Structure formats: C-alpha cells, structure tokens
Amino acid sequence: MNKPEIIFRDGTPADAGMLAALGWQTFEEAFGSYNDPEDMLAFKPTMFSLQLQAEELAEQETEFVIAEADGVPVAYMKLNWDAPPAAINGHRPMQISRLFLLQHWTGKGLGDRLMQVALDRARRWGHQVVWLTVWSKNERALCFYKRHGFRIVGELDFYLGKDVQLDYYMQRKV
C-alpha cells in the first residue's frame, strides 16, 4: 500500500460543514470514552455547530489549517491571535486553539507536521510566543506538547456539559 500524500491547506468558508463534522468526530474519538455521554452531547453545539464553524472561519484573527490525505480531510488546527489570557506572557502571542487528528492518524507523525506548520506560521507572522490549553488528564497530548517545547504556565476550568475539568495553559517561545 502506498503512503498517502499529505497536504496542508487553509480553511475556507466552504469548509464549515466539513469542519463541524471532522471537529466533532476527532473530539469524540479523543475524549468520548473519558466523559459522560450527556456532557459530550451538551458540549457539541457549543463548539462544533455549522453556524459556529462558519463564524470562526470568517474571523479576522483566526486561521484554520486542514490536513488532507489523498484529498480526504484527516486533521485540522485552528490558530488565533486575539488577546490572550493573563497567564500567557510574551509579545504577539498566537494560540493553537485546536489541533485534532482522526484517531487512525495518531502516532504517525501528522501531529508533528501540523505543529511545524503552526510554528512556521507564527515565525512568518511575527509572533514570539505560541500558547494553547490542554486537559490535565490528557497525558498523550501533554507529552506531545512538552516534546515540542511547551511548558505549563497556568490552569483554567474547562466546562464540558455539566462537568468542570482542569485544563492547563501551556506556552513556548517561537
């Protein structure tokens, strides 16, 4: 079997439906088995509705990057450069708001490639700091981000339905 060709492209308004579906699928694959199904379903419209994806794609301070394998979307990330929370220190910070892969692609280097795209864009756009949030119980993601030079700089509450979870702020210099 041939290795699929991976390309990265910017999201467009036409991607709203695909991002709503891919976003939910990747989120559910990553977190569904750790959370109450009712909380997951309550959270879905707050993050992965078609309308919200369309609004986010139109934001001036946001860019989506979509990874396609042989033309099929398999991962994406959302980059933001609006005002950061107080826990983030540094000049012109950029947030990796989402970095999600279909479960089948986890552990195959695609996350590393997406991270490199994010860091390259941060450099090109003049950002000096990249930051993100991650669930405190997501050990795989914590290891991934630490391997890429991120360090924990604060904590926040994340609401998934009725469940309040502890997330970490992480950042690194570009």
Protein backbone atom coordinates (compact mmCIF):
# COMPACT_ATOMS: atom_id res chain seq x y z
CA MET A 1 0.00 0.00 0.00
CA ASN A 2 1.33 3.43 -0.94
CA LYS A 3 1.84 6.06 1.71
CA PRO A 4 -0.87 8.72 1.25
CA GLU A 5 0.12 12.19 0.12
CA ILE A 6 -0.48 14.69 2.93
CA ILE A 7 -1.15 18.29 2.01
CA PHE A 8 -1.92 21.23 4.27
CA ARG A 9 -4.30 23.93 3.12
CA ASP A 10 -6.02 26.91 4.63
CA GLY A 11 -9.66 26.57 5.58
CA THR A 12 -12.25 28.48 3.53
CA PRO A 13 -15.91 29.34 4.19
CA ALA A 14 -16.86 26.29 2.12
CA ASP A 15 -15.23 24.09 4.80
CA ALA A 16 -17.69 24.96 7.60
CA GLY A 17 -19.72 21.76 7.29
CA MET A 18 -16.67 19.56 6.97
CA LEU A 19 -15.01 21.23 9.99
CA ALA A 20 -18.16 20.79 12.10
CA ALA A 21 -18.21 17.07 11.28
CA LEU A 22 -14.44 16.47 11.48
CA GLY A 23 -14.15 18.57 14.63
CA TRP A 24 -16.84 16.59 16.41
CA GLN A 25 -15.51 13.23 15.21
CA THR A 26 -11.97 13.96 16.37
CA PHE A 27 -13.16 15.39 19.69
CA GLU A 28 -15.42 12.41 20.33
CA GLU A 29 -12.66 9.94 19.42
CA ALA A 30 -10.21 11.69 21.75
CA PHE A 31 -12.48 12.34 24.74
CA GLY A 32 -15.73 10.38 24.40
CA SER A 33 -14.62 7.36 26.41
CA TYR A 34 -13.45 9.58 29.30
CA ASN A 35 -16.60 11.65 29.66
CA ASP A 36 -20.30 11.25 30.34
CA PRO A 37 -22.22 10.92 27.03
CA GLU A 38 -24.73 13.57 28.16
CA ASP A 39 -21.93 16.05 28.84
CA MET A 40 -20.42 15.30 25.43
CA LEU A 41 -23.74 15.88 23.66
CA ALA A 42 -24.35 19.09 25.63
CA PHE A 43 -20.91 20.35 24.60
CA LYS A 44 -21.22 19.55 20.88
CA PRO A 45 -23.30 22.60 19.80
CA THR A 46 -21.08 24.96 21.80
CA MET A 47 -18.01 24.08 19.75
CA PHE A 48 -18.91 22.14 16.61
CA SER A 49 -22.09 23.60 15.12
CA LEU A 50 -22.18 24.52 11.44
CA GLN A 51 -23.01 28.13 12.31
CA LEU A 52 -20.11 28.43 14.76
CA GLN A 53 -17.65 26.96 12.26
CA ALA A 54 -18.82 29.44 9.62
CA GLU A 55 -18.42 32.32 12.09
CA GLU A 56 -14.93 31.16 13.12
CA LEU A 57 -13.82 30.80 9.50
CA ALA A 58 -14.84 34.44 8.95
CA GLU A 59 -12.92 35.83 11.94
CA GLN A 60 -10.01 38.12 11.07
CA GLU A 61 -7.85 36.84 13.95
CA THR A 62 -8.34 33.15 13.10
CA GLU A 63 -6.97 30.72 10.56
CA PHE A 64 -7.77 27.06 10.06
CA VAL A 65 -5.24 24.64 8.58
CA ILE A 66 -6.63 21.39 7.20
CA ALA A 67 -4.54 18.26 6.63
CA GLU A 68 -5.74 16.06 3.79
CA ALA A 69 -4.54 12.55 2.97
CA ASP A 70 -5.09 11.90 -0.74
CA GLY A 71 -7.73 14.64 -0.75
CA VAL A 72 -9.61 13.45 2.35
CA PRO A 73 -9.58 15.69 5.49
CA VAL A 74 -7.95 13.78 8.36
CA ALA A 75 -6.84 16.52 10.78
CA TYR A 76 -7.04 20.24 11.36
CA MET A 77 -5.89 23.03 13.61
CA LYS A 78 -7.28 26.41 14.48
CA LEU A 79 -4.85 29.29 15.05
CA ASN A 80 -5.86 32.54 16.81
CA TRP A 81 -4.01 35.72 17.56
CA ASP A 82 -6.58 37.71 19.52
CA ALA A 83 -5.91 38.88 23.11
CA PRO A 84 -4.53 36.07 25.31
CA PRO A 85 -5.44 35.35 28.94
CA ALA A 86 -3.30 36.81 31.74
CA ALA A 87 -1.41 33.52 32.22
CA ILE A 88 0.30 33.93 28.83
CA ASN A 89 3.48 36.01 28.78
CA GLY A 90 5.25 37.30 25.71
CA HIS A 91 4.98 39.64 22.76
CA ARG A 92 2.43 38.96 19.99
CA PRO A 93 1.19 35.55 21.19
CA MET A 94 -0.54 33.11 18.84
CA GLN A 95 -2.87 30.41 20.14
CA ILE A 96 -3.18 26.89 18.81
CA SER A 97 -6.85 26.70 19.71
CA ARG A 98 -7.42 23.22 18.29
CA LEU A 99 -5.10 20.55 16.95
CA PHE A 100 -7.17 17.43 16.29
CA LEU A 101 -6.47 14.31 14.24
CA LEU A 102 -8.65 11.37 13.38
CA GLN A 103 -7.68 8.57 15.77
CA HIS A 104 -6.29 6.46 12.93
CA TRP A 105 -3.66 9.16 12.29
CA THR A 106 -2.47 9.49 15.89
CA GLY A 107 1.13 8.39 16.37
CA LYS A 108 2.05 8.58 12.68
CA GLY A 109 3.86 11.93 12.68
CA LEU A 110 0.97 14.03 11.40
CA GLY A 111 0.66 15.93 14.67
CA ASP A 112 4.37 16.78 14.46
CA ARG A 113 3.88 18.08 10.94
CA LEU A 114 0.89 20.20 11.97
CA MET A 115 2.88 21.62 14.88
CA GLN A 116 5.69 22.54 12.49
CA VAL A 117 3.19 24.32 10.24
CA ALA A 118 1.90 26.26 13.27
CA LEU A 119 5.40 27.27 14.40
CA ASP A 120 6.44 28.22 10.85
CA ARG A 121 3.38 30.45 10.51
CA ALA A 122 3.97 32.01 13.91
CA ARG A 123 7.52 32.92 12.82
CA ARG A 124 6.38 34.23 9.46
CA TRP A 125 3.64 36.35 11.05
CA GLY A 126 5.98 37.80 13.70
CA HIS A 127 4.58 36.07 16.79
CA GLN A 128 7.07 35.49 19.57
CA VAL A 129 5.03 33.10 21.71
CA VAL A 130 2.70 30.20 20.90
CA TRP A 131 0.23 29.04 23.53
CA LEU A 132 -2.57 26.51 23.96
CA THR A 133 -4.76 24.78 26.51
CA VAL A 134 -4.82 21.05 27.22
CA TRP A 135 -6.85 18.82 29.52
CA SER A 136 -4.82 17.91 32.59
CA LYS A 137 -5.75 14.21 32.18
CA ASN A 138 -4.68 14.02 28.52
CA GLU A 139 -1.24 12.50 29.14
CA ARG A 140 -0.56 11.79 25.47
CA ALA A 141 -1.18 15.41 24.50
CA LEU A 142 0.82 16.72 27.46
CA CYS A 143 3.81 14.60 26.40
CA PHE A 144 3.40 15.73 22.78
CA TYR A 145 3.36 19.43 23.70
CA LYS A 146 6.26 19.10 26.15
CA ARG A 147 8.26 17.34 23.44
CA HIS A 148 7.63 20.40 21.26
CA GLY A 149 8.97 22.76 23.92
CA PHE A 150 5.75 23.85 25.62
CA ARG A 151 5.64 24.29 29.38
CA ILE A 152 2.72 24.66 31.77
CA VAL A 153 2.18 28.29 32.79
CA GLY A 154 -1.25 28.22 34.42
CA GLU A 155 -4.57 26.49 34.98
CA LEU A 156 -8.18 27.10 33.99
CA ASP A 157 -11.57 25.47 34.34
CA PHE A 158 -13.00 23.87 31.20
CA TYR A 159 -16.73 23.19 31.10
CA LEU A 160 -17.79 20.05 29.26
CA GLY A 161 -21.55 19.98 29.72
CA LYS A 162 -22.04 19.96 33.50
CA ASP A 163 -18.54 18.64 34.19
CA VAL A 164 -15.87 21.13 35.24
CA GLN A 165 -12.43 19.88 34.20
CA LEU A 166 -8.94 21.19 34.91
CA ASP A 167 -7.04 22.37 31.85
CA TYR A 168 -3.52 23.75 31.66
CA TYR A 169 -2.25 26.78 29.81
CA MET A 170 0.98 25.90 28.01
CA GLN A 171 3.30 28.16 26.03
CA ARG A 172 6.63 28.21 24.25
CA LYS A 173 8.78 30.77 22.51
CA VAL A 174 8.83 30.81 18.74
